[in-house]
Amino acid sequence: MDKKTGNPTTIKEKNQKVLAQYLFENKTTSRSNLVKVFKLSAPSIYKNIGQLIEQNIVLELGEGGSEGGRRPKLISFNYDYGYIVGIDLKGETLKLALANMELNIIGRAEISINEFNDETKLISQSIKKIKSLLKKNKIKEKDLLSISIGYPGSVNQETGAVKMAPDWLNVSDVKKMEAMYSEAFSESSILIKNDTNLAATGELKYGCGQKHKNLLYINVDMGVGAGIIIDGKLFEGSRFASGEIGFTKTKVNSSQSLEDEISIRGLVQQIKNDSEKQNNSDLLTFINKDETTLNFKVCNKALKKNDPYLINLMEQIVEKLSFVLVNSCYLLDMDAFIIGGQLLELNYDFKSKLDEMVNEYRNIEVEIGYSSLNQDEVIYGGFALALDEILKNIVDY
């Protein structure tokens, strides 16, 4: 913390940000403890904390325990100072969650993306859902500080340009999306990032990636993508397109990519093709009537009975995914691989099969695990991004 040099207003704001961030991370403490931690005068700490209390950033909790002498007055960060929304667009459903700054999820909503062939209507509907959640929980719109959106495509953070957007998502104009949310929630910062990069960040901060500095998160859902964490930081590449492994080829002279072969969308297409080739309409029971996604209930029952057709499909997925992991072992030398996505809802032991195949082909020790955030890794990655932004500017809000 600054003590003497610089503009007094700037020093005050910087000191208050440092104090707020410390309290955010350490929850409950006392003014006297802050004096010891930051080695500043008691009057300076008391004055800055007093102003943070006036701004509702810090709360007074009453007296704490004493080991002799006066009982210390406890203070804490006010985790209800503001609220954040995380939005996940990676699958067939737009998922959103509203949380306070302690990441207690207050409300959720889902919207079927397939019902909207117009991005304006889809975004408008999500705005209505957010407003409804705020109203239901008696939260003022001005207290919604940030909306983070996970988008399944390469999003240039400088220009807003989108590349490699999926053809199944009718949201192609990120700037338009940002403008619509900004107009609806003028007090909120709007943050848009690649969905798999957010998922990797979510696992790093709150999931099974917390103990690792270098990890690769692979999402197998409607599409296929990867998020790369190097030395505890997200690596996005020169054109914000790192991790787009869904576009890689697994065969020479093949028109298909990895995404066509192992994504849910790819599996649906393969089942449809096999149904025609084998003149076996029973295979179509494995996909939903709208022919856009798998019928997980039917598939899981069949897998439980060791259905040979589905078992063969799962073996093909494991084989292709294992080669991706083995090659990544030598290219990136990661501590861990984390697999996530809706495909894991299938009743098939992907992990032991992947472990077996990867161990057969590689001689670099690496841990393979599943996402631990219950399909909320994109949401939590958005929360992490939002909190970083809020805490960086907290005295300015």
Protein backbone atom coordinates (compact mmCIF):
# COMPACT_ATOMS: atom_id res chain seq x y z
CA MET A 1 0.00 0.00 0.00
CA ASP A 2 1.13 3.55 -0.74
CA LYS A 3 2.06 5.69 2.23
CA LYS A 4 3.31 9.09 1.04
CA THR A 5 4.06 9.63 -2.64
CA GLY A 6 1.56 10.45 -5.37
CA ASN A 7 -1.75 12.23 -5.71
CA PRO A 8 -3.70 11.97 -2.40
CA THR A 9 -6.93 10.93 -4.14
CA THR A 10 -5.12 8.27 -6.18
CA ILE A 11 -3.36 6.93 -3.09
CA LYS A 12 -6.63 6.79 -1.17
CA GLU A 13 -8.38 4.87 -3.95
CA LYS A 14 -5.46 2.48 -4.36
CA ASN A 15 -5.26 1.84 -0.63
CA GLN A 16 -8.98 1.26 -0.40
CA LYS A 17 -8.87 -1.18 -3.32
CA VAL A 18 -6.06 -3.12 -1.63
CA LEU A 19 -8.00 -3.23 1.65
CA ALA A 20 -11.20 -4.31 -0.12
CA GLN A 21 -9.39 -7.05 -2.01
CA TYR A 22 -7.72 -8.29 1.18
CA LEU A 23 -11.07 -8.43 2.98
CA PHE A 24 -12.67 -10.15 -0.02
CA GLU A 25 -10.08 -12.94 0.15
CA ASN A 26 -9.83 -13.17 3.95
CA LYS A 27 -13.46 -12.53 4.92
CA THR A 28 -13.57 -11.51 8.61
CA THR A 29 -10.84 -9.56 10.42
CA SER A 30 -10.39 -6.45 12.58
CA ARG A 31 -8.96 -3.00 12.00
CA SER A 32 -6.15 -3.72 14.46
CA ASN A 33 -5.17 -6.80 12.45
CA LEU A 34 -5.10 -4.72 9.25
CA VAL A 35 -2.69 -2.30 10.96
CA LYS A 36 -0.35 -5.26 11.61
CA VAL A 37 -0.76 -6.76 8.13
CA PHE A 38 -0.16 -3.56 6.16
CA LYS A 39 2.16 -1.84 8.68
CA LEU A 40 0.28 1.43 8.34
CA SER A 41 -0.83 3.84 11.04
CA ALA A 42 -4.07 3.07 12.84
CA PRO A 43 -5.64 6.43 11.83
CA SER A 44 -4.97 5.68 8.13
CA ILE A 45 -6.52 2.19 8.34
CA TYR A 46 -9.49 3.41 10.39
CA LYS A 47 -10.18 6.28 7.98
CA ASN A 48 -10.02 4.09 4.84
CA ILE A 49 -12.13 1.35 6.39
CA GLY A 50 -14.65 3.96 7.51
CA GLN A 51 -15.01 5.20 3.96
CA LEU A 52 -15.37 1.63 2.65
CA ILE A 53 -18.17 1.11 5.19
CA GLU A 54 -19.86 4.31 3.94
CA GLN A 55 -19.72 2.88 0.39
CA ASN A 56 -21.30 -0.39 1.65
CA ILE A 57 -18.25 -2.36 0.50
CA VAL A 58 -17.35 -3.35 4.07
CA LEU A 59 -19.64 -4.36 6.93
CA GLU A 60 -19.20 -4.06 10.70
CA LEU A 61 -20.06 -7.34 12.43
CA GLY A 62 -19.69 -6.53 16.11
CA GLU A 63 -17.11 -7.58 18.66
CA GLY A 64 -14.86 -10.60 18.40
CA GLY A 65 -13.19 -12.72 21.06
CA SER A 66 -10.48 -11.27 23.27
CA GLU A 67 -7.30 -12.67 24.76
CA GLY A 68 -7.13 -9.79 27.21
CA GLY A 69 -7.89 -6.13 26.77
CA ARG A 70 -10.60 -4.62 24.61
CA ARG A 71 -12.51 -6.88 22.29
CA PRO A 72 -11.71 -6.13 18.62
CA LYS A 73 -14.52 -4.88 16.40
CA LEU A 74 -14.83 -7.28 13.50
CA ILE A 75 -15.30 -6.21 9.91
CA SER A 76 -16.01 -8.17 6.73
CA PHE A 77 -16.33 -7.68 3.01
CA ASN A 78 -19.95 -7.18 1.99
CA TYR A 79 -20.50 -10.01 -0.47
CA ASP A 80 -23.96 -8.61 -1.25
CA TYR A 81 -22.39 -5.33 -2.36
CA GLY A 82 -23.10 -6.34 -5.94
CA TYR A 83 -24.26 -9.24 -8.08
CA ILE A 84 -23.06 -11.03 -11.18
CA VAL A 85 -24.63 -13.12 -13.94
CA GLY A 86 -22.88 -15.92 -15.81
CA ILE A 87 -24.23 -17.08 -19.18
CA ASP A 88 -23.29 -20.32 -20.93
CA LEU A 89 -24.05 -20.66 -24.67
CA LYS A 90 -22.03 -23.78 -25.40
CA GLY A 91 -24.85 -26.32 -25.72
CA GLU A 92 -28.37 -26.53 -27.05
CA THR A 93 -29.57 -24.57 -24.01
CA LEU A 94 -28.66 -21.06 -22.92
CA LYS A 95 -27.98 -21.37 -19.20
CA LEU A 96 -27.66 -18.42 -16.85
CA ALA A 97 -27.04 -18.05 -13.14
CA LEU A 98 -27.30 -15.07 -10.79
CA ALA A 99 -24.91 -14.95 -7.81
CA ASN A 100 -23.59 -12.59 -5.15
CA MET A 101 -19.88 -11.88 -4.79
CA GLU A 102 -19.39 -14.91 -2.55
CA LEU A 103 -20.66 -16.97 -5.48
CA ASN A 104 -23.79 -18.07 -3.70
CA ILE A 105 -26.09 -18.80 -6.64
CA ILE A 106 -29.38 -17.03 -6.01
CA GLY A 107 -31.28 -18.03 -9.12
CA ARG A 108 -31.02 -19.86 -12.43
CA ALA A 109 -32.79 -19.88 -15.78
CA GLU A 110 -32.57 -21.86 -19.02
CA ILE A 111 -33.70 -21.14 -22.56
CA SER A 112 -33.84 -23.66 -25.41
CA ILE A 113 -31.64 -22.21 -28.16
CA ASN A 114 -33.33 -24.37 -30.80
CA GLU A 115 -36.57 -22.44 -30.32
CA PHE A 116 -34.97 -19.24 -31.62
CA ASN A 117 -33.65 -18.78 -35.14
CA ASP A 118 -33.11 -15.08 -34.48
CA GLU A 119 -30.31 -13.95 -32.16
CA THR A 120 -32.16 -10.76 -31.20
CA LYS A 121 -35.12 -12.73 -29.85
CA LEU A 122 -32.84 -15.14 -27.95
CA ILE A 123 -30.86 -12.33 -26.30
CA SER A 124 -34.06 -10.41 -25.53
CA GLN A 125 -35.50 -13.49 -23.84
CA SER A 126 -32.35 -13.91 -21.73
CA ILE A 127 -32.59 -10.24 -20.69
CA LYS A 128 -36.19 -10.84 -19.56
CA LYS A 129 -35.02 -13.86 -17.54
CA ILE A 130 -32.31 -11.81 -15.81
CA LYS A 131 -34.73 -9.01 -14.98
CA SER A 132 -37.18 -11.55 -13.61
CA LEU A 133 -34.51 -13.11 -11.36
CA LEU A 134 -33.48 -9.69 -10.08
CA LYS A 135 -37.07 -8.74 -9.33
CA LYS A 136 -37.81 -12.08 -7.66
CA ASN A 137 -34.82 -11.65 -5.35
CA LYS A 138 -35.47 -7.92 -4.72
CA ILE A 139 -32.18 -6.87 -6.30
CA LYS A 140 -31.97 -3.46 -7.97
CA GLU A 141 -30.74 -3.47 -11.56
CA LYS A 142 -28.03 -0.95 -10.65
CA ASP A 143 -26.55 -3.56 -8.30
CA LEU A 144 -25.97 -6.02 -11.14
CA LEU A 145 -22.28 -5.22 -11.67
CA SER A 146 -21.30 -7.68 -14.38
CA ILE A 147 -22.63 -10.11 -16.99
CA SER A 148 -20.13 -12.68 -18.29
CA ILE A 149 -20.95 -14.69 -21.40
CA GLY A 150 -19.31 -17.88 -22.62
CA TYR A 151 -19.52 -17.97 -26.43
CA PRO A 152 -18.63 -21.08 -28.51
CA GLY A 153 -16.28 -19.49 -31.01
CA SER A 154 -13.05 -17.55 -31.26
CA VAL A 155 -13.79 -14.09 -29.81
CA ASN A 156 -11.22 -11.36 -30.46
CA GLN A 157 -11.12 -9.48 -27.15
CA GLU A 158 -9.84 -6.32 -28.86
CA THR A 159 -12.21 -6.00 -31.82
CA GLY A 160 -15.15 -8.25 -30.92
CA ALA A 161 -14.71 -10.16 -34.19
CA VAL A 162 -15.85 -13.80 -34.13
CA LYS A 163 -14.31 -16.66 -36.06
CA MET A 164 -15.06 -20.39 -36.10
CA ALA A 165 -18.56 -19.86 -34.71
CA PRO A 166 -20.66 -23.05 -34.69
CA ASP A 167 -23.35 -23.38 -37.37
CA TRP A 168 -25.89 -24.61 -34.78
CA LEU A 169 -25.89 -21.34 -32.81
CA ASN A 170 -27.80 -18.43 -34.33
CA VAL A 171 -25.78 -15.79 -32.50
CA SER A 172 -23.08 -14.49 -34.81
CA ASP A 173 -22.74 -10.81 -33.87
CA VAL A 174 -20.95 -10.47 -30.53
CA LYS A 175 -20.95 -6.66 -30.70
CA LYS A 176 -24.73 -6.67 -31.16
CA MET A 177 -25.09 -9.04 -28.21
CA GLU A 178 -22.87 -6.81 -26.06
CA ALA A 179 -24.83 -3.71 -27.08
CA MET A 180 -28.19 -5.29 -26.21
CA TYR A 181 -27.05 -6.33 -22.73
CA SER A 182 -25.42 -2.92 -22.18
CA GLU A 183 -28.60 -1.11 -23.14
CA ALA A 184 -30.70 -3.27 -20.82
CA PHE A 185 -28.24 -3.08 -17.89
CA SER A 186 -26.40 0.20 -18.16
CA GLU A 187 -24.60 -0.22 -14.81
CA SER A 188 -23.18 -3.65 -15.71
CA SER A 189 -19.90 -4.45 -17.41
CA ILE A 190 -20.42 -6.96 -20.24
CA LEU A 191 -17.66 -9.55 -20.63
CA ILE A 192 -17.66 -12.03 -23.54
CA LYS A 193 -15.09 -14.80 -23.87
CA ASN A 194 -14.75 -18.18 -25.54
CA ASP A 195 -16.83 -20.69 -23.58
CA THR A 196 -14.13 -23.35 -23.25
CA ASN A 197 -11.60 -20.77 -22.07
CA LEU A 198 -14.09 -19.75 -19.39
CA ALA A 199 -14.59 -23.41 -18.47
CA ALA A 200 -10.83 -23.90 -18.08
CA THR A 201 -10.70 -20.78 -15.88
CA GLY A 202 -13.62 -22.06 -13.81
CA GLU A 203 -11.88 -25.39 -13.18
CA LEU A 204 -8.61 -23.61 -12.34
CA LYS A 205 -10.22 -21.27 -9.80
CA TYR A 206 -12.99 -23.38 -8.28
CA GLY A 207 -12.83 -26.94 -9.63
CA CYS A 208 -10.46 -29.89 -9.83
CA GLY A 209 -7.79 -27.72 -11.48
CA GLN A 210 -7.09 -25.73 -8.31
CA LYS A 211 -3.98 -27.73 -7.45
CA HIS A 212 -2.47 -27.42 -10.94
CA LYS A 213 -0.59 -24.59 -12.68
CA ASN A 214 -0.60 -26.16 -16.15
CA LEU A 215 -3.73 -27.87 -17.41
CA LEU A 216 -5.72 -28.59 -20.53
CA TYR A 217 -9.50 -28.56 -20.29
CA ILE A 218 -11.30 -30.41 -23.10
CA ASN A 219 -15.02 -29.90 -23.63
CA VAL A 220 -17.01 -32.50 -25.57
CA ASP A 221 -20.52 -31.18 -26.02
CA MET A 222 -22.42 -29.96 -29.07
CA GLY A 223 -18.95 -29.00 -30.27
CA VAL A 224 -15.39 -29.84 -29.19
CA GLY A 225 -12.88 -27.35 -27.82
CA ALA A 226 -10.00 -26.93 -25.39
CA GLY A 227 -8.93 -24.32 -22.87
CA ILE A 228 -5.21 -24.00 -22.10
CA ILE A 229 -3.86 -22.87 -18.73
CA ILE A 230 -0.10 -22.22 -18.61
CA ASP A 231 1.61 -21.21 -15.37
CA GLY A 232 -1.76 -20.46 -13.80
CA LYS A 233 -2.88 -18.15 -16.61
CA LEU A 234 -5.24 -18.60 -19.54
CA PHE A 235 -3.44 -18.85 -22.88
CA GLU A 236 -5.60 -17.49 -25.71
CA GLY A 237 -3.11 -17.30 -28.59
CA SER A 238 -2.15 -14.53 -31.00
CA ARG A 239 -5.63 -14.40 -32.56
CA PHE A 240 -7.64 -15.56 -29.52
CA ALA A 241 -8.10 -18.93 -31.24
CA SER A 242 -6.04 -21.29 -29.08
CA GLY A 243 -7.66 -24.60 -28.18
CA GLU A 244 -9.92 -24.89 -31.24
CA ILE A 245 -9.11 -28.59 -31.47
CA GLY A 246 -12.54 -29.40 -32.89
CA PHE A 247 -11.20 -28.31 -36.28
CA THR A 248 -8.25 -30.73 -36.24
CA LYS A 249 -8.18 -33.73 -38.59
CA THR A 250 -7.82 -37.34 -37.46
CA LYS A 251 -7.40 -38.85 -40.94
CA VAL A 252 -5.53 -37.87 -44.08
CA ASN A 253 -7.74 -36.56 -46.91
CA SER A 254 -10.82 -36.60 -44.69
CA SER A 255 -13.53 -33.96 -44.99
CA GLN A 256 -14.42 -34.56 -41.35
CA SER A 257 -12.85 -32.91 -38.32
CA LEU A 258 -12.56 -34.13 -34.72
CA GLU A 259 -15.76 -32.24 -33.89
CA ASP A 260 -17.65 -34.06 -36.65
CA GLU A 261 -16.54 -37.39 -35.19
CA ILE A 262 -16.90 -37.12 -31.40
CA SER A 263 -19.19 -34.19 -30.58
CA ILE A 264 -22.83 -34.78 -29.69
CA ARG A 265 -23.82 -33.15 -32.96
CA GLY A 266 -21.40 -35.45 -34.80
CA LEU A 267 -22.73 -38.54 -33.04
CA VAL A 268 -26.30 -37.63 -33.95
CA GLN A 269 -25.30 -37.35 -37.62
CA GLN A 270 -23.41 -40.66 -37.50
CA ILE A 271 -26.41 -42.45 -35.97
CA LYS A 272 -28.66 -41.03 -38.70
CA ASN A 273 -26.22 -42.12 -41.42
CA ASP A 274 -25.84 -45.61 -39.92
CA SER A 275 -29.62 -45.96 -39.68
CA GLU A 276 -29.90 -45.38 -43.42
CA LYS A 277 -26.95 -47.62 -44.33
CA GLN A 278 -28.08 -50.49 -42.13
CA ASN A 279 -31.78 -49.96 -42.90
CA ASN A 280 -32.29 -50.01 -39.13
CA SER A 281 -34.75 -47.37 -37.95
CA ASP A 282 -34.33 -48.59 -34.33
CA LEU A 283 -31.05 -46.66 -34.19
CA LEU A 284 -33.03 -43.42 -34.40
CA THR A 285 -34.36 -44.07 -30.89
CA PHE A 286 -30.89 -43.01 -29.68
CA ILE A 287 -31.53 -39.42 -30.78
CA ASN A 288 -34.30 -36.98 -29.91
CA LYS A 289 -37.18 -36.37 -32.30
CA ASP A 290 -35.81 -32.98 -33.31
CA GLU A 291 -32.64 -34.84 -34.42
CA THR A 292 -30.32 -32.27 -32.85
CA THR A 293 -29.07 -34.10 -29.76
CA LEU A 294 -28.85 -37.52 -28.16
CA ASN A 295 -31.68 -39.09 -26.21
CA PHE A 296 -29.57 -39.58 -23.09
CA LYS A 297 -32.22 -41.58 -21.25
CA VAL A 298 -32.51 -44.17 -24.03
CA CYS A 299 -28.75 -44.21 -24.65
CA ASN A 300 -27.97 -44.83 -20.99
CA LYS A 301 -30.42 -47.71 -20.78
CA ALA A 302 -28.83 -49.25 -23.87
CA LEU A 303 -25.29 -48.74 -22.53
CA LYS A 304 -26.28 -50.40 -19.27
CA LYS A 305 -27.26 -53.44 -21.35
CA ASN A 306 -23.94 -53.24 -23.26
CA ASP A 307 -25.60 -52.41 -26.58
CA PRO A 308 -22.90 -53.35 -29.15
CA TYR A 309 -23.63 -50.44 -31.50
CA LEU A 310 -23.34 -47.76 -28.79
CA ILE A 311 -20.36 -49.46 -27.13
CA ASN A 312 -18.57 -49.35 -30.48
CA LEU A 313 -19.34 -45.62 -30.82
CA MET A 314 -17.98 -44.96 -27.32
CA GLU A 315 -14.80 -46.91 -28.11
CA GLN A 316 -14.25 -44.79 -31.21
CA ILE A 317 -14.65 -41.61 -29.15
CA VAL A 318 -12.17 -42.83 -26.52
CA GLU A 319 -9.67 -43.80 -29.19
CA LYS A 320 -9.76 -40.41 -30.93
CA LEU A 321 -9.76 -38.49 -27.65
CA SER A 322 -6.84 -40.51 -26.33
CA PHE A 323 -4.70 -39.57 -29.34
CA VAL A 324 -5.52 -35.90 -28.72
CA LEU A 325 -4.39 -36.30 -25.11
CA VAL A 326 -1.24 -38.25 -25.96
CA ASN A 327 -0.15 -35.71 -28.56
CA SER A 328 -0.92 -32.89 -26.13
CA CYS A 329 1.27 -34.59 -23.51
CA TYR A 330 4.32 -34.14 -25.71
CA LEU A 331 3.35 -30.76 -27.11
CA LEU A 332 2.39 -29.02 -23.85
CA ASP A 333 3.72 -31.16 -20.95
CA MET A 334 0.68 -30.45 -18.76
CA ASP A 335 0.08 -31.43 -15.14
CA ALA A 336 -3.49 -32.49 -15.83
CA PHE A 337 -6.17 -32.99 -18.44
CA ILE A 338 -9.75 -32.24 -17.42
CA ILE A 339 -12.60 -33.57 -19.54
CA GLY A 340 -15.97 -31.84 -19.42
CA GLY A 341 -19.15 -31.43 -21.42
CA GLN A 342 -22.56 -33.03 -21.77
CA LEU A 343 -21.14 -36.18 -23.33
CA LEU A 344 -20.06 -37.24 -19.83
CA GLU A 345 -23.73 -37.69 -18.95
CA LEU A 346 -23.62 -40.93 -20.91
CA ASN A 347 -23.40 -44.01 -18.70
CA TYR A 348 -19.96 -45.06 -19.95
CA ASP A 349 -16.67 -45.29 -18.09
CA PHE A 350 -14.69 -42.81 -20.19
CA LYS A 351 -12.04 -42.19 -17.53
CA SER A 352 -10.69 -45.70 -17.03
CA LYS A 353 -10.76 -46.32 -20.79
CA LEU A 354 -8.90 -43.06 -21.47
CA ASP A 355 -6.40 -43.80 -18.70
CA GLU A 356 -5.75 -47.21 -20.21
CA MET A 357 -5.18 -45.95 -23.76
CA VAL A 358 -3.20 -42.84 -22.81
CA ASN A 359 -0.93 -44.88 -20.50
CA GLU A 360 -0.26 -47.28 -23.36
CA TYR A 361 1.09 -44.59 -25.67
CA ARG A 362 2.76 -41.94 -23.52
CA ASN A 363 5.62 -41.92 -21.03
CA ILE A 364 4.95 -38.51 -19.42
CA GLU A 365 3.03 -38.66 -16.16
CA VAL A 366 -0.22 -36.69 -16.35
CA GLU A 367 -3.45 -36.73 -14.38
CA ILE A 368 -6.77 -37.22 -16.20
CA GLY A 369 -9.93 -36.10 -14.46
CA TYR A 370 -13.51 -35.08 -15.03
CA SER A 371 -14.95 -31.62 -14.57
CA SER A 372 -16.07 -31.19 -10.96
CA LEU A 373 -18.45 -28.25 -11.40
CA ASN A 374 -21.58 -30.16 -12.50
CA GLN A 375 -21.79 -28.67 -16.00
CA ASP A 376 -21.34 -25.17 -14.51
CA GLU A 377 -17.68 -24.71 -15.41
CA VAL A 378 -18.45 -22.00 -18.00
CA ILE A 379 -20.68 -20.19 -15.49
CA TYR A 380 -17.97 -20.29 -12.80
CA GLY A 381 -15.32 -19.18 -15.26
CA GLY A 382 -17.53 -16.18 -16.04
CA PHE A 383 -17.90 -15.51 -12.32
CA ALA A 384 -14.10 -15.53 -11.93
CA LEU A 385 -13.71 -13.07 -14.81
CA ALA A 386 -16.42 -10.81 -13.39
CA LEU A 387 -14.96 -10.78 -9.87
CA ASP A 388 -11.50 -9.87 -11.18
CA GLU A 389 -13.01 -6.93 -13.06
CA ILE A 390 -15.14 -5.78 -10.12
CA LEU A 391 -12.33 -5.95 -7.56
CA LYS A 392 -9.97 -4.12 -9.89
CA ASN A 393 -12.40 -1.19 -10.09
CA ILE A 394 -14.33 -1.62 -6.86
CA VAL A 395 -13.81 1.87 -5.42
CA ASP A 396 -14.98 3.36 -8.73
CA TYR A 397 -18.39 1.60 -8.67
